[in-house]
Amino acid sequence: MRTQFGVPAHALSLARRRALTTTGFTLSAAAVALLGGRDALAATKGKNADHAGDVRILNTALGAEYEAVAAYQVGADSGLLKGDALTLAREFQGHHKAHAEAIEATVVKLGGKAIEERKDYRFPVEKLKTQADVLRFAAGLEKGAVSAYLGAVPLFGDRELAKVAASILGDEAMHWAVLRHALGETPVVPVSFVA
C-alpha cells in the first residue's frame, strides 16, 4: 500500500513509531535523543565545564532550525501548497520546531544563552509561484541543512552531541529525499557524497 507521494506505508508507519507527539508537534528521534542527553550532559558538566564551543555550534544549528520553521510557514501561508504537500510541509515544520526546542533547552542546560529567533527572514518569495517552486525551495533548504550538520558533527567537543547532530542530519536528509520525490524527482540523492 502506498501513501503520501508514493512512499510505502510501512516506511511511514516505522517513522511514526519512532516519533513522539508532544504539544502538537512531532518530536523526532533525534530530538528525543537530544532531550534525553541533556541529563547525561548535566552530570558531566563539572568534569568538562568548557562547553562554550559546543554552545556556539548549537546556537548556529538553532538559528538554522528557526529559519527552517519560518520558511515552512512561508510555504504554508503562500496558498500554493495543497493536500498532501501542505500536510508534508506542516509535518516537516513540526520536526524543525522540535529540533529547535531541544537545541535551545540543551544550550541552556549547558549554561549558555540560546540565540533569539529572528523577526524577519529574506526568502525569495517573489520566485514562489507554484507548488513545485515552494517544494523546490524547501528541498534546497533541507539540502543546506544536511551540509551544515555534516560540517558541525566533527566539531563538537562532546561526542554525544555529535551523535545527536548526526541523527538530526539523517532527519534532514530524509526530508530532502521526500521533497525530491514530491517534485517527481528520484528521491535518491543525486551524488554519492554530500558536501
C-alpha atoms as a PDB file:
ATOM      1  CA  MET A   1       0.000   0.000   0.000  1.00  0.00           C
ATOM      2  CA  ARG A   2       1.284   3.452  -0.939  1.00  0.00           C
ATOM      3  CA  THR A   3       0.631   6.680   0.930  1.00  0.00           C
ATOM      4  CA  GLN A   4       1.900  10.237   0.590  1.00  0.00           C
ATOM      5  CA  PHE A   5       3.835  10.782  -2.617  1.00  0.00           C
ATOM      6  CA  GLY A   6       4.171   7.041  -3.190  1.00  0.00           C
ATOM      7  CA  VAL A   7       6.193   6.439  -0.026  1.00  0.00           C
ATOM      8  CA  PRO A   8       5.461   2.892   1.166  1.00  0.00           C
ATOM      9  CA  ALA A   9       3.007   2.782   4.063  1.00  0.00           C
ATOM     10  CA  HIS A  10       5.340   0.596   6.138  1.00  0.00           C
ATOM     11  CA  ALA A  11       8.098   3.241   5.870  1.00  0.00           C
ATOM     12  CA  LEU A  12       5.805   5.975   7.159  1.00  0.00           C
ATOM     13  CA  SER A  13       4.498   3.663   9.852  1.00  0.00           C
ATOM     14  CA  LEU A  14       8.037   2.937  11.013  1.00  0.00           C
ATOM     15  CA  ALA A  15       8.860   6.653  11.030  1.00  0.00           C
ATOM     16  CA  ARG A  16       5.755   7.384  13.072  1.00  0.00           C
ATOM     17  CA  ARG A  17       6.575   4.672  15.587  1.00  0.00           C
ATOM     18  CA  ARG A  18       9.957   6.286  16.085  1.00  0.00           C
ATOM     19  CA  ALA A  19       8.422   9.666  16.808  1.00  0.00           C
ATOM     20  CA  LEU A  20       6.627  11.018  19.826  1.00  0.00           C
ATOM     21  CA  THR A  21       3.899  13.600  19.763  1.00  0.00           C
ATOM     22  CA  THR A  22       4.093  16.316  22.351  1.00  0.00           C
ATOM     23  CA  THR A  23       2.333  19.667  22.481  1.00  0.00           C
ATOM     24  CA  GLY A  24       1.001  19.081  18.983  1.00  0.00           C
ATOM     25  CA  PHE A  25       4.407  18.752  17.289  1.00  0.00           C
ATOM     26  CA  THR A  26       6.048  15.580  16.051  1.00  0.00           C
ATOM     27  CA  LEU A  27       9.177  15.059  18.096  1.00  0.00           C
ATOM     28  CA  SER A  28      11.826  13.283  16.054  1.00  0.00           C
ATOM     29  CA  ALA A  29      14.021  10.525  17.393  1.00  0.00           C
ATOM     30  CA  ALA A  30      16.926  12.958  17.166  1.00  0.00           C
ATOM     31  CA  ALA A  31      15.164  15.480  19.354  1.00  0.00           C
ATOM     32  CA  VAL A  32      14.248  12.767  21.842  1.00  0.00           C
ATOM     33  CA  ALA A  33      17.910  11.754  21.978  1.00  0.00           C
ATOM     34  CA  LEU A  34      18.966  15.360  22.427  1.00  0.00           C
ATOM     35  CA  LEU A  35      16.482  15.902  25.218  1.00  0.00           C
ATOM     36  CA  GLY A  36      17.457  12.637  26.866  1.00  0.00           C
ATOM     37  CA  GLY A  37      21.121  13.530  26.584  1.00  0.00           C
ATOM     38  CA  ARG A  38      20.687  16.761  28.497  1.00  0.00           C
ATOM     39  CA  ASP A  39      20.624  14.969  31.841  1.00  0.00           C
ATOM     40  CA  ALA A  40      23.711  12.995  30.960  1.00  0.00           C
ATOM     41  CA  LEU A  41      25.437  16.216  29.915  1.00  0.00           C
ATOM     42  CA  ALA A  42      24.468  17.912  33.142  1.00  0.00           C
ATOM     43  CA  ALA A  43      26.093  15.074  35.056  1.00  0.00           C
ATOM     44  CA  THR A  44      29.372  15.600  33.172  1.00  0.00           C
ATOM     45  CA  LYS A  45      29.259  19.384  33.334  1.00  0.00           C
ATOM     46  CA  GLY A  46      31.575  19.551  36.339  1.00  0.00           C
ATOM     47  CA  LYS A  47      34.120  17.321  34.620  1.00  0.00           C
ATOM     48  CA  ASN A  48      34.071  19.290  31.377  1.00  0.00           C
ATOM     49  CA  ALA A  49      32.843  22.770  32.166  1.00  0.00           C
ATOM     50  CA  ASP A  50      34.107  24.197  28.877  1.00  0.00           C
ATOM     51  CA  HIS A  51      31.076  23.739  26.657  1.00  0.00           C
ATOM     52  CA  ALA A  52      31.490  27.165  25.024  1.00  0.00           C
ATOM     53  CA  GLY A  53      32.445  25.694  21.644  1.00  0.00           C
ATOM     54  CA  ASP A  54      29.554  23.270  21.679  1.00  0.00           C
ATOM     55  CA  VAL A  55      27.159  26.050  22.690  1.00  0.00           C
ATOM     56  CA  ARG A  56      28.332  28.145  19.706  1.00  0.00           C
ATOM     57  CA  ILE A  57      27.734  25.213  17.345  1.00  0.00           C
ATOM     58  CA  LEU A  58      24.346  24.517  18.890  1.00  0.00           C
ATOM     59  CA  ASN A  59      23.344  28.168  18.558  1.00  0.00           C
ATOM     60  CA  THR A  60      24.304  28.097  14.871  1.00  0.00           C
ATOM     61  CA  ALA A  61      22.134  24.996  14.438  1.00  0.00           C
ATOM     62  CA  LEU A  62      19.358  26.685  16.403  1.00  0.00           C
ATOM     63  CA  GLY A  63      19.429  29.648  14.023  1.00  0.00           C
ATOM     64  CA  ALA A  64      19.127  27.291  11.053  1.00  0.00           C
ATOM     65  CA  GLU A  65      16.213  25.456  12.666  1.00  0.00           C
ATOM     66  CA  TYR A  66      14.411  28.757  13.336  1.00  0.00           C
ATOM     67  CA  GLU A  67      14.946  29.694   9.691  1.00  0.00           C
ATOM     68  CA  ALA A  68      13.523  26.361   8.512  1.00  0.00           C
ATOM     69  CA  VAL A  69      10.429  26.816  10.702  1.00  0.00           C
ATOM     70  CA  ALA A  70       9.915  30.289   9.208  1.00  0.00           C
ATOM     71  CA  ALA A  71      10.478  29.011   5.656  1.00  0.00           C
ATOM     72  CA  TYR A  72       7.886  26.268   6.028  1.00  0.00           C
ATOM     73  CA  GLN A  73       5.476  28.878   7.401  1.00  0.00           C
ATOM     74  CA  VAL A  74       6.016  30.984   4.290  1.00  0.00           C
ATOM     75  CA  GLY A  75       5.245  27.914   2.195  1.00  0.00           C
ATOM     76  CA  ALA A  76       2.127  27.084   4.202  1.00  0.00           C
ATOM     77  CA  ASP A  77       0.894  30.680   4.086  1.00  0.00           C
ATOM     78  CA  SER A  78       1.571  31.051   0.360  1.00  0.00           C
ATOM     79  CA  GLY A  79      -1.635  29.285  -0.619  1.00  0.00           C
ATOM     80  CA  LEU A  80       0.395  27.347  -3.184  1.00  0.00           C
ATOM     81  CA  LEU A  81       0.663  24.119  -1.199  1.00  0.00           C
ATOM     82  CA  LYS A  82      -2.370  21.867  -1.343  1.00  0.00           C
ATOM     83  CA  GLY A  83      -3.367  18.491   0.083  1.00  0.00           C
ATOM     84  CA  ASP A  84      -0.501  16.130   0.814  1.00  0.00           C
ATOM     85  CA  ALA A  85       2.122  18.775   0.043  1.00  0.00           C
ATOM     86  CA  LEU A  86       0.696  21.118   2.676  1.00  0.00           C
ATOM     87  CA  THR A  87       0.430  18.268   5.194  1.00  0.00           C
ATOM     88  CA  LEU A  88       4.034  17.307   4.488  1.00  0.00           C
ATOM     89  CA  ALA A  89       5.255  20.892   4.910  1.00  0.00           C
ATOM     90  CA  ARG A  90       3.493  21.204   8.254  1.00  0.00           C
ATOM     91  CA  GLU A  91       4.919  17.878   9.424  1.00  0.00           C
ATOM     92  CA  PHE A  92       8.459  18.871   8.454  1.00  0.00           C
ATOM     93  CA  GLN A  93       7.952  22.269  10.103  1.00  0.00           C
ATOM     94  CA  GLY A  94       6.977  20.375  13.261  1.00  0.00           C
ATOM     95  CA  HIS A  95      10.233  18.416  13.082  1.00  0.00           C
ATOM     96  CA  HIS A  96      12.198  21.650  12.840  1.00  0.00           C
ATOM     97  CA  LYS A  97      10.265  23.148  15.763  1.00  0.00           C
ATOM     98  CA  ALA A  98      11.092  20.071  17.831  1.00  0.00           C
ATOM     99  CA  HIS A  99      14.758  20.295  16.852  1.00  0.00           C
ATOM    100  CA  ALA A 100      14.813  23.988  17.818  1.00  0.00           C
ATOM    101  CA  GLU A 101      13.134  23.375  21.179  1.00  0.00           C
ATOM    102  CA  ALA A 102      15.539  20.565  22.029  1.00  0.00           C
ATOM    103  CA  ILE A 103      18.619  22.505  20.927  1.00  0.00           C
ATOM    104  CA  GLU A 104      17.522  25.587  22.870  1.00  0.00           C
ATOM    105  CA  ALA A 105      16.965  23.522  26.010  1.00  0.00           C
ATOM    106  CA  THR A 106      20.383  21.896  25.601  1.00  0.00           C
ATOM    107  CA  VAL A 107      22.129  25.266  25.216  1.00  0.00           C
ATOM    108  CA  VAL A 108      20.535  26.432  28.459  1.00  0.00           C
ATOM    109  CA  LYS A 109      21.359  23.165  30.213  1.00  0.00           C
ATOM    110  CA  LEU A 110      24.991  23.608  29.190  1.00  0.00           C
ATOM    111  CA  GLY A 111      24.996  27.054  30.823  1.00  0.00           C
ATOM    112  CA  GLY A 112      24.763  29.020  27.582  1.00  0.00           C
ATOM    113  CA  LYS A 113      22.315  31.595  26.300  1.00  0.00           C
ATOM    114  CA  ALA A 114      20.208  30.460  23.372  1.00  0.00           C
ATOM    115  CA  ILE A 115      20.008  32.859  20.448  1.00  0.00           C
ATOM    116  CA  GLU A 116      16.709  34.567  19.743  1.00  0.00           C
ATOM    117  CA  GLU A 117      14.597  33.783  16.736  1.00  0.00           C
ATOM    118  CA  ARG A 118      14.910  36.495  14.082  1.00  0.00           C
ATOM    119  CA  LYS A 119      11.882  38.646  13.396  1.00  0.00           C
ATOM    120  CA  ASP A 120      12.412  38.698   9.636  1.00  0.00           C
ATOM    121  CA  TYR A 121      13.946  36.370   7.071  1.00  0.00           C
ATOM    122  CA  ARG A 122      14.649  37.241   3.478  1.00  0.00           C
ATOM    123  CA  PHE A 123      13.220  34.392   1.471  1.00  0.00           C
ATOM    124  CA  PRO A 124      12.838  34.558  -2.334  1.00  0.00           C
ATOM    125  CA  VAL A 125       9.041  34.775  -2.098  1.00  0.00           C
ATOM    126  CA  GLU A 126       8.843  36.580  -5.439  1.00  0.00           C
ATOM    127  CA  LYS A 127      10.093  33.368  -7.085  1.00  0.00           C
ATOM    128  CA  LEU A 128       7.492  31.146  -5.404  1.00  0.00           C
ATOM    129  CA  LYS A 129       4.712  30.983  -7.980  1.00  0.00           C
ATOM    130  CA  THR A 130       3.742  27.294  -7.951  1.00  0.00           C
ATOM    131  CA  GLN A 131       3.615  24.376  -5.544  1.00  0.00           C
ATOM    132  CA  ALA A 132       6.717  22.970  -7.245  1.00  0.00           C
ATOM    133  CA  ASP A 133       8.574  26.243  -6.599  1.00  0.00           C
ATOM    134  CA  VAL A 134       7.774  26.019  -2.879  1.00  0.00           C
ATOM    135  CA  LEU A 135       8.765  22.347  -2.686  1.00  0.00           C
ATOM    136  CA  ARG A 136      11.997  23.034  -4.588  1.00  0.00           C
ATOM    137  CA  PHE A 137      12.781  25.925  -2.211  1.00  0.00           C
ATOM    138  CA  ALA A 138      12.174  23.652   0.797  1.00  0.00           C
ATOM    139  CA  ALA A 139      14.298  20.895  -0.745  1.00  0.00           C
ATOM    140  CA  GLY A 140      17.149  23.378  -1.182  1.00  0.00           C
ATOM    141  CA  LEU A 141      16.913  24.399   2.471  1.00  0.00           C
ATOM    142  CA  GLU A 142      16.928  20.756   3.570  1.00  0.00           C
ATOM    143  CA  LYS A 143      19.963  20.045   1.387  1.00  0.00           C
ATOM    144  CA  GLY A 144      21.704  23.017   3.020  1.00  0.00           C
ATOM    145  CA  ALA A 145      20.775  21.691   6.465  1.00  0.00           C
ATOM    146  CA  VAL A 146      22.331  18.326   5.601  1.00  0.00           C
ATOM    147  CA  SER A 147      25.577  20.051   4.632  1.00  0.00           C
ATOM    148  CA  ALA A 148      25.540  22.265   7.735  1.00  0.00           C
ATOM    149  CA  TYR A 149      25.040  19.378  10.146  1.00  0.00           C
ATOM    150  CA  LEU A 150      27.643  17.359   8.254  1.00  0.00           C
ATOM    151  CA  GLY A 151      30.128  20.167   8.868  1.00  0.00           C
ATOM    152  CA  ALA A 152      29.137  20.508  12.521  1.00  0.00           C
ATOM    153  CA  VAL A 153      29.329  16.853  13.582  1.00  0.00           C
ATOM    154  CA  PRO A 154      33.136  16.616  13.801  1.00  0.00           C
ATOM    155  CA  LEU A 155      33.409  19.977  15.571  1.00  0.00           C
ATOM    156  CA  PHE A 156      31.565  19.031  18.765  1.00  0.00           C
ATOM    157  CA  GLY A 157      33.763  18.529  21.809  1.00  0.00           C
ATOM    158  CA  ASP A 158      31.088  16.360  23.394  1.00  0.00           C
ATOM    159  CA  ARG A 159      30.765  13.223  21.280  1.00  0.00           C
ATOM    160  CA  GLU A 160      27.186  12.640  22.488  1.00  0.00           C
ATOM    161  CA  LEU A 161      26.192  15.955  20.940  1.00  0.00           C
ATOM    162  CA  ALA A 162      27.956  14.906  17.732  1.00  0.00           C
ATOM    163  CA  LYS A 163      25.859  11.716  17.655  1.00  0.00           C
ATOM    164  CA  VAL A 164      22.657  13.696  18.093  1.00  0.00           C
ATOM    165  CA  ALA A 165      23.663  16.179  15.378  1.00  0.00           C
ATOM    166  CA  ALA A 166      24.288  13.207  13.080  1.00  0.00           C
ATOM    167  CA  SER A 167      20.823  11.910  13.892  1.00  0.00           C
ATOM    168  CA  ILE A 168      19.271  15.293  13.040  1.00  0.00           C
ATOM    169  CA  LEU A 169      21.358  15.267   9.849  1.00  0.00           C
ATOM    170  CA  GLY A 170      19.651  11.985   8.962  1.00  0.00           C
ATOM    171  CA  ASP A 171      16.240  13.557   9.542  1.00  0.00           C
ATOM    172  CA  GLU A 172      17.115  16.483   7.268  1.00  0.00           C
ATOM    173  CA  ALA A 173      18.365  14.078   4.591  1.00  0.00           C
ATOM    174  CA  MET A 174      15.055  12.200   4.737  1.00  0.00           C
ATOM    175  CA  HIS A 175      13.187  15.498   4.342  1.00  0.00           C
ATOM    176  CA  TRP A 176      15.302  16.300   1.301  1.00  0.00           C
ATOM    177  CA  ALA A 177      14.657  12.887  -0.264  1.00  0.00           C
ATOM    178  CA  VAL A 178      10.891  13.040   0.344  1.00  0.00           C
ATOM    179  CA  LEU A 179      10.710  16.558  -1.114  1.00  0.00           C
ATOM    180  CA  ARG A 180      12.627  15.408  -4.197  1.00  0.00           C
ATOM    181  CA  HIS A 181      10.136  12.583  -4.581  1.00  0.00           C
ATOM    182  CA  ALA A 182       7.214  15.018  -4.166  1.00  0.00           C
ATOM    183  CA  LEU A 183       8.698  17.024  -7.046  1.00  0.00           C
ATOM    184  CA  GLY A 184       8.699  13.926  -9.257  1.00  0.00           C
ATOM    185  CA  GLU A 185      12.466  13.579  -8.968  1.00  0.00           C
ATOM    186  CA  THR A 186      14.203  10.433  -7.825  1.00  0.00           C
ATOM    187  CA  PRO A 187      14.334  10.517  -4.015  1.00  0.00           C
ATOM    188  CA  VAL A 188      17.849   9.117  -4.178  1.00  0.00           C
ATOM    189  CA  VAL A 189      20.305  11.928  -3.617  1.00  0.00           C
ATOM    190  CA  PRO A 190      21.982  12.578  -6.974  1.00  0.00           C
ATOM    191  CA  VAL A 191      25.547  12.353  -5.613  1.00  0.00           C
ATOM    192  CA  SER A 192      27.445   9.701  -3.703  1.00  0.00           C
ATOM    193  CA  PHE A 193      28.749  12.162  -1.118  1.00  0.00           C
ATOM    194  CA  VAL A 194      27.043  15.260   0.273  1.00  0.00           C
ATOM    195  CA  ALA A 195      29.321  18.233   0.774  1.00  0.00           C
END
